[in-house]
């Protein structure tokens, strides 16, 4: 479960600049391909994830329509903070892409339902030499690690 706040500034009838803050508390778990070590409980540490992103939202349909489908694209950073002292907090680049609909009950009040995909880049590790070309030299391959999250959200809209 997560919670957050989104603020929008409409610079056109169908386009807004969106600022997102999202907070989630979860557990950092490690899955073993074989039997886990003796005494491993399955949870390494409680984990807090705060995401701050800015981007654009494009709405479809007529201005002031009761139902407005939308798509959005946001970029920013995620702060990943384990509670255990053996792990350091990380600040990493993140982005999200999503869509949904806004349902307006009046000019000032509405509801928003949506889904988003929010990948967070963690790190890259070298796998060694991967390919050597006789003209341009050797290339190194990297494995990138991401924290991939899918989010379904609902909220209230207050228009000023």
C-alpha atoms as a PDB file:
ATOM      1  CA  UNK A   1       0.000   0.000   0.000  1.00  0.00           C
ATOM      2  CA  UNK A   2       1.249   3.476  -0.776  1.00  0.00           C
ATOM      3  CA  UNK A   3       0.020   7.044  -0.507  1.00  0.00           C
ATOM      4  CA  UNK A   4       1.017  10.335  -2.046  1.00  0.00           C
ATOM      5  CA  UNK A   5       0.075  13.667  -3.503  1.00  0.00           C
ATOM      6  CA  UNK A   6      -0.105  14.970  -7.051  1.00  0.00           C
ATOM      7  CA  UNK A   7      -0.226  18.652  -7.975  1.00  0.00           C
ATOM      8  CA  UNK A   8      -1.016  19.783 -11.515  1.00  0.00           C
ATOM      9  CA  UNK A   9      -0.808  23.057 -13.368  1.00  0.00           C
ATOM     10  CA  UNK A  10      -2.939  23.230 -16.524  1.00  0.00           C
ATOM     11  CA  UNK A  11      -1.125  25.262 -19.150  1.00  0.00           C
ATOM     12  CA  UNK A  12      -3.544  24.158 -21.909  1.00  0.00           C
ATOM     13  CA  UNK A  13      -7.059  22.682 -21.777  1.00  0.00           C
ATOM     14  CA  UNK A  14      -5.691  19.174 -22.511  1.00  0.00           C
ATOM     15  CA  UNK A  15      -2.161  19.401 -21.058  1.00  0.00           C
ATOM     16  CA  UNK A  16      -0.827  19.803 -17.534  1.00  0.00           C
ATOM     17  CA  UNK A  17       2.520  19.777 -15.772  1.00  0.00           C
ATOM     18  CA  UNK A  18       2.340  17.235 -12.983  1.00  0.00           C
ATOM     19  CA  UNK A  19       4.373  16.951  -9.766  1.00  0.00           C
ATOM     20  CA  UNK A  20       4.165  13.611  -7.931  1.00  0.00           C
ATOM     21  CA  UNK A  21       5.222  12.531  -4.456  1.00  0.00           C
ATOM     22  CA  UNK A  22       4.615   8.924  -3.474  1.00  0.00           C
ATOM     23  CA  UNK A  23       5.518   7.035  -0.274  1.00  0.00           C
ATOM     24  CA  UNK A  24       5.547   3.273   0.171  1.00  0.00           C
ATOM     25  CA  UNK A  25       6.609   1.032   3.063  1.00  0.00           C
ATOM     26  CA  UNK A  26       7.517  -2.540   2.169  1.00  0.00           C
ATOM     27  CA  UNK A  27      10.113  -5.235   2.922  1.00  0.00           C
ATOM     28  CA  UNK A  28      13.460  -5.904   1.279  1.00  0.00           C
ATOM     29  CA  UNK A  29      13.459  -9.622   0.487  1.00  0.00           C
ATOM     30  CA  UNK A  30      15.996 -11.925  -1.068  1.00  0.00           C
ATOM     31  CA  UNK A  31      14.935 -14.914  -3.132  1.00  0.00           C
ATOM     32  CA  UNK A  32      17.395 -17.771  -3.381  1.00  0.00           C
ATOM     33  CA  UNK A  33      17.579 -20.093  -6.393  1.00  0.00           C
ATOM     34  CA  UNK A  34      18.521 -22.906  -4.034  1.00  0.00           C
ATOM     35  CA  UNK A  35      17.778 -23.539  -0.369  1.00  0.00           C
ATOM     36  CA  UNK A  36      18.279 -20.363   1.725  1.00  0.00           C
ATOM     37  CA  UNK A  37      20.890 -20.278   4.494  1.00  0.00           C
ATOM     38  CA  UNK A  38      19.878 -21.625   7.856  1.00  0.00           C
ATOM     39  CA  UNK A  39      18.053 -19.047   9.967  1.00  0.00           C
ATOM     40  CA  UNK A  40      17.053 -16.808   7.020  1.00  0.00           C
ATOM     41  CA  UNK A  41      13.550 -15.478   7.663  1.00  0.00           C
ATOM     42  CA  UNK A  42      12.895 -14.110   4.166  1.00  0.00           C
ATOM     43  CA  UNK A  43      13.091 -10.393   5.059  1.00  0.00           C
ATOM     44  CA  UNK A  44      16.419  -8.531   5.034  1.00  0.00           C
ATOM     45  CA  UNK A  45      15.057  -5.178   6.181  1.00  0.00           C
ATOM     46  CA  UNK A  46      11.922  -3.028   6.266  1.00  0.00           C
ATOM     47  CA  UNK A  47      12.134  -0.574   3.370  1.00  0.00           C
ATOM     48  CA  UNK A  48      10.729   2.915   2.700  1.00  0.00           C
ATOM     49  CA  UNK A  49      10.513   4.261  -0.843  1.00  0.00           C
ATOM     50  CA  UNK A  50       9.799   7.942  -1.523  1.00  0.00           C
ATOM     51  CA  UNK A  51       9.434   9.022  -5.143  1.00  0.00           C
ATOM     52  CA  UNK A  52       9.436  12.613  -6.420  1.00  0.00           C
ATOM     53  CA  UNK A  53       8.791  13.095 -10.136  1.00  0.00           C
ATOM     54  CA  UNK A  54       7.736  15.822 -12.538  1.00  0.00           C
ATOM     55  CA  UNK A  55       6.366  15.498 -16.038  1.00  0.00           C
ATOM     56  CA  UNK A  56       3.420  15.947 -18.314  1.00  0.00           C
ATOM     57  CA  UNK A  57      -0.143  14.697 -18.450  1.00  0.00           C
ATOM     58  CA  UNK A  58      -2.230  14.715 -21.635  1.00  0.00           C
ATOM     59  CA  UNK A  59      -6.030  14.456 -21.362  1.00  0.00           C
ATOM     60  CA  UNK A  60      -8.360  13.368 -24.143  1.00  0.00           C
ATOM     61  CA  UNK A  61     -11.862  14.634 -24.815  1.00  0.00           C
ATOM     62  CA  UNK A  62     -13.428  18.061 -24.562  1.00  0.00           C
ATOM     63  CA  UNK A  63     -12.471  20.609 -21.931  1.00  0.00           C
ATOM     64  CA  UNK A  64     -14.899  20.483 -18.950  1.00  0.00           C
ATOM     65  CA  UNK A  65     -16.217  17.034 -19.964  1.00  0.00           C
ATOM     66  CA  UNK A  66     -17.314  14.852 -17.017  1.00  0.00           C
ATOM     67  CA  UNK A  67     -14.970  11.987 -18.005  1.00  0.00           C
ATOM     68  CA  UNK A  68     -11.413  12.686 -19.254  1.00  0.00           C
ATOM     69  CA  UNK A  69      -9.075   9.779 -20.089  1.00  0.00           C
ATOM     70  CA  UNK A  70      -5.366  10.645 -19.762  1.00  0.00           C
ATOM     71  CA  UNK A  71      -1.794   9.432 -20.245  1.00  0.00           C
ATOM     72  CA  UNK A  72       1.244  10.740 -18.367  1.00  0.00           C
ATOM     73  CA  UNK A  73       5.035  10.528 -18.394  1.00  0.00           C
ATOM     74  CA  UNK A  74       7.114  11.560 -15.375  1.00  0.00           C
ATOM     75  CA  UNK A  75      10.838  11.652 -14.525  1.00  0.00           C
ATOM     76  CA  UNK A  76      12.556  12.189 -11.197  1.00  0.00           C
ATOM     77  CA  UNK A  77      14.200  10.365  -8.324  1.00  0.00           C
ATOM     78  CA  UNK A  78      13.372   7.673  -5.795  1.00  0.00           C
ATOM     79  CA  UNK A  79      14.819   7.533  -2.296  1.00  0.00           C
ATOM     80  CA  UNK A  80      15.161   3.926  -1.145  1.00  0.00           C
ATOM     81  CA  UNK A  81      15.801   3.777   2.604  1.00  0.00           C
ATOM     82  CA  UNK A  82      16.215   0.418   4.361  1.00  0.00           C
ATOM     83  CA  UNK A  83      15.637   0.499   8.143  1.00  0.00           C
ATOM     84  CA  UNK A  84      18.508  -1.899   8.842  1.00  0.00           C
ATOM     85  CA  UNK A  85      21.840  -0.160   9.635  1.00  0.00           C
ATOM     86  CA  UNK A  86      23.756  -2.655   7.473  1.00  0.00           C
ATOM     87  CA  UNK A  87      22.268  -1.096   4.309  1.00  0.00           C
ATOM     88  CA  UNK A  88      22.730   2.477   3.075  1.00  0.00           C
ATOM     89  CA  UNK A  89      19.940   4.626   1.646  1.00  0.00           C
ATOM     90  CA  UNK A  90      20.015   5.142  -2.126  1.00  0.00           C
ATOM     91  CA  UNK A  91      18.817   8.033  -4.274  1.00  0.00           C
ATOM     92  CA  UNK A  92      18.240   6.811  -7.821  1.00  0.00           C
ATOM     93  CA  UNK A  93      16.799   8.057 -11.121  1.00  0.00           C
ATOM     94  CA  UNK A  94      13.241   6.877 -11.733  1.00  0.00           C
ATOM     95  CA  UNK A  95      10.516   7.408 -14.256  1.00  0.00           C
ATOM     96  CA  UNK A  96       6.908   6.430 -14.713  1.00  0.00           C
ATOM     97  CA  UNK A  97       4.449   6.050 -17.528  1.00  0.00           C
ATOM     98  CA  UNK A  98       0.755   5.623 -16.913  1.00  0.00           C
ATOM     99  CA  UNK A  99      -2.805   6.356 -17.807  1.00  0.00           C
ATOM    100  CA  UNK A 100      -6.309   6.418 -16.470  1.00  0.00           C
ATOM    101  CA  UNK A 101      -9.335   8.642 -16.251  1.00  0.00           C
ATOM    102  CA  UNK A 102     -10.568  11.673 -14.349  1.00  0.00           C
ATOM    103  CA  UNK A 103     -14.248  11.812 -13.447  1.00  0.00           C
ATOM    104  CA  UNK A 104     -15.524  15.271 -12.508  1.00  0.00           C
ATOM    105  CA  UNK A 105     -18.552  15.547 -10.185  1.00  0.00           C
ATOM    106  CA  UNK A 106     -18.542  19.346 -10.434  1.00  0.00           C
ATOM    107  CA  UNK A 107     -16.235  22.138 -11.611  1.00  0.00           C
ATOM    108  CA  UNK A 108     -14.245  21.862  -8.355  1.00  0.00           C
ATOM    109  CA  UNK A 109     -14.445  18.190  -7.289  1.00  0.00           C
ATOM    110  CA  UNK A 110     -13.647  14.904  -8.986  1.00  0.00           C
ATOM    111  CA  UNK A 111     -12.004  11.487  -8.762  1.00  0.00           C
ATOM    112  CA  UNK A 112      -8.944  10.084 -10.484  1.00  0.00           C
ATOM    113  CA  UNK A 113      -8.309   6.405 -11.269  1.00  0.00           C
ATOM    114  CA  UNK A 114      -5.143   5.215 -12.941  1.00  0.00           C
ATOM    115  CA  UNK A 115      -2.311   2.765 -13.360  1.00  0.00           C
ATOM    116  CA  UNK A 116       1.411   3.372 -13.847  1.00  0.00           C
ATOM    117  CA  UNK A 117       4.655   1.492 -14.423  1.00  0.00           C
ATOM    118  CA  UNK A 118       7.496   2.935 -12.333  1.00  0.00           C
ATOM    119  CA  UNK A 119      10.998   1.490 -12.928  1.00  0.00           C
ATOM    120  CA  UNK A 120      13.823   2.645 -10.641  1.00  0.00           C
ATOM    121  CA  UNK A 121      17.419   2.201 -11.836  1.00  0.00           C
ATOM    122  CA  UNK A 122      19.536   0.607  -9.073  1.00  0.00           C
ATOM    123  CA  UNK A 123      22.975  -0.164 -10.579  1.00  0.00           C
ATOM    124  CA  UNK A 124      24.920  -1.886 -13.340  1.00  0.00           C
ATOM    125  CA  UNK A 125      27.507  -4.615 -12.983  1.00  0.00           C
ATOM    126  CA  UNK A 126      30.119  -5.580 -15.555  1.00  0.00           C
ATOM    127  CA  UNK A 127      29.920  -9.109 -16.926  1.00  0.00           C
ATOM    128  CA  UNK A 128      33.426  -8.902 -18.396  1.00  0.00           C
ATOM    129  CA  UNK A 129      34.449  -8.747 -22.022  1.00  0.00           C
ATOM    130  CA  UNK A 130      31.517  -9.600 -24.214  1.00  0.00           C
ATOM    131  CA  UNK A 131      32.621  -8.984 -27.794  1.00  0.00           C
ATOM    132  CA  UNK A 132      35.819  -7.975 -29.557  1.00  0.00           C
ATOM    133  CA  UNK A 133      35.819  -6.300 -32.955  1.00  0.00           C
ATOM    134  CA  UNK A 134      39.036  -6.235 -35.025  1.00  0.00           C
ATOM    135  CA  UNK A 135      38.506  -2.567 -36.006  1.00  0.00           C
ATOM    136  CA  UNK A 136      37.000  -0.936 -32.918  1.00  0.00           C
ATOM    137  CA  UNK A 137      38.309  -3.025 -30.005  1.00  0.00           C
ATOM    138  CA  UNK A 138      36.514  -4.907 -27.268  1.00  0.00           C
ATOM    139  CA  UNK A 139      33.181  -4.038 -25.693  1.00  0.00           C
ATOM    140  CA  UNK A 140      32.081  -4.725 -22.134  1.00  0.00           C
ATOM    141  CA  UNK A 141      28.571  -5.917 -21.376  1.00  0.00           C
ATOM    142  CA  UNK A 142      26.727  -4.682 -18.304  1.00  0.00           C
ATOM    143  CA  UNK A 143      23.798  -6.148 -16.416  1.00  0.00           C
ATOM    144  CA  UNK A 144      21.490  -3.404 -15.169  1.00  0.00           C
ATOM    145  CA  UNK A 145      19.365  -3.892 -12.066  1.00  0.00           C
ATOM    146  CA  UNK A 146      15.986  -2.187 -11.686  1.00  0.00           C
ATOM    147  CA  UNK A 147      13.278  -2.044  -9.078  1.00  0.00           C
ATOM    148  CA  UNK A 148      10.162  -2.437 -11.255  1.00  0.00           C
ATOM    149  CA  UNK A 149       6.842  -1.438  -9.745  1.00  0.00           C
ATOM    150  CA  UNK A 150       3.294  -1.419 -11.058  1.00  0.00           C
ATOM    151  CA  UNK A 151       0.856   0.869  -9.318  1.00  0.00           C
ATOM    152  CA  UNK A 152      -2.931   1.196  -9.377  1.00  0.00           C
ATOM    153  CA  UNK A 153      -4.156   4.375  -7.731  1.00  0.00           C
ATOM    154  CA  UNK A 154      -7.328   6.242  -6.850  1.00  0.00           C
ATOM    155  CA  UNK A 155      -7.688   9.742  -5.497  1.00  0.00           C
ATOM    156  CA  UNK A 156      -9.766  12.861  -5.115  1.00  0.00           C
ATOM    157  CA  UNK A 157      -9.416  15.915  -7.341  1.00  0.00           C
ATOM    158  CA  UNK A 158      -9.750  19.423  -5.904  1.00  0.00           C
ATOM    159  CA  UNK A 159      -9.659  22.099  -8.621  1.00  0.00           C
ATOM    160  CA  UNK A 160      -8.812  25.714  -7.853  1.00  0.00           C
END
